[in-house]
Amino acid sequence: MGNKLHLYHPSALESIAAPETIEELHLYANGFDGATLKILPYFECLKYLHLHAFQQIHQLAPILPNYKQLKGLFLLDVDWRPLRRQFDQLRHLKILSIHNDTLNELPEALIHMSQLEELELRFNRVSSSMPHWHLLEYLPQLHHLTLSHISSQQFPSDAIAELAQLNELCLSKNNLKKLTQKHPAFLTALPYAFAHSSLETKYFKKLLPKMRRENLPWEKRTIWLNLLANDTAKLDRLASQKDILEATEIQPATFSAIRLHALEYYQQRWSQQQQLNRGAHLTVVGTIATKKNVLRSQLKALNIQYSPKITQKTTHLLLGQRAQGVYHQALEQEIPILTIGTPQSPPNQWHRRKHQPSAGLI
């Protein structure tokens, strides 16, 4: 999201040399007053504003409409009600996130936010019979919806099931179960629903800002998220060979779980159809668990040639994590691509396990 700045104390405002270069700003609770907030209009290129228990919301409210490039507004433990009038002037927002225990209704200004793509709401008191749920219908570009802290009795499953354009849905376990029971076809067609797996719980909140930062297309986002959820049924329906290969290159290192799931899924869906026989020339790229000099010796014993890069003699490509796009060259030259599933079998079993997970050296 460009240049990022965290402000914990008003004294830090005085040291900001070029506020016009800041694209993402985090403001925290400590002691900002009207005088220290006068610099905020100079953040003219601001795209993402995060307010963390920020108390001077009344002073900030008149400034918000000046942020013509603002894409995302994130309110964490902030009283959002003083901003109601400003919401009407934020029609260009792409992301609105309100996490506050005072939230007991949908903001009526949603009816004007036709460009909104992501909506995250944490409620305290809310009724499924209240007329405001119909406001979701006025968000034709809505692709991501997170609703939390809503009881099963109050959960508006019918209103959500009408959101045919939705790509990503994050609900509590109970509400996801209720929606599945009442609208199974909607959940089946939905590209991604947060399934509460251990990896999702660990990485979802870290992955979301990364996907936003990179302006990842919605189709690619759902691939990454379903890899995290290990939802092979959704991947079978939505993911292409190239989509999965691209996911093996996700940075940084903290997302190794997604890269490994991509390699395992590729192996299950495509690599099992490839056989590595004696006399083959194998190019090995990317990060694998086995030391490459050990692998080279194992391959030599099987009369299989090893190479660290694709050559004219290459018959197969063994793809590891973060292989720097080498798979593009393999696809262009129609070189069979192998990946490795679980760390069990030695290379001499690769060509014998056509219908089982292949050797695991990654």
Foldseek 3Di string as FASTA:
>chain_A
DFAEDEDAELVVLVVDDQLCRHAEYEYEAPDDDLVSCPCVLRNQNHAEYAYALHDVVLSCQVSVLSNPNHAYYAYHQYDCVSNLVVLLSPLNHQYYAHHHADDAADRPSLLSNQNHAEYHDEYNHYALPDPRLLSVVSHLNHAYYEYEDDDCNRDNLVSVLVNQNYAEYEYDPSNVVVNCVVPVVSVLPHLYYDPPDPQCVVCVVVVVVVCVVVVPDSLLVSLLVCLSVVPVVSCVVRPDLVSLVVQLQDDDPVVNSSNLSSLQSCQQPAQLQDADAACAEEAEFDDWQDDVVVLCVLCVVRNYHYHPADDPRHQEYEYHGNRPPSVVVCVVVVRHYHYAHDQDDRPVCQRVPSNHGGHGGD
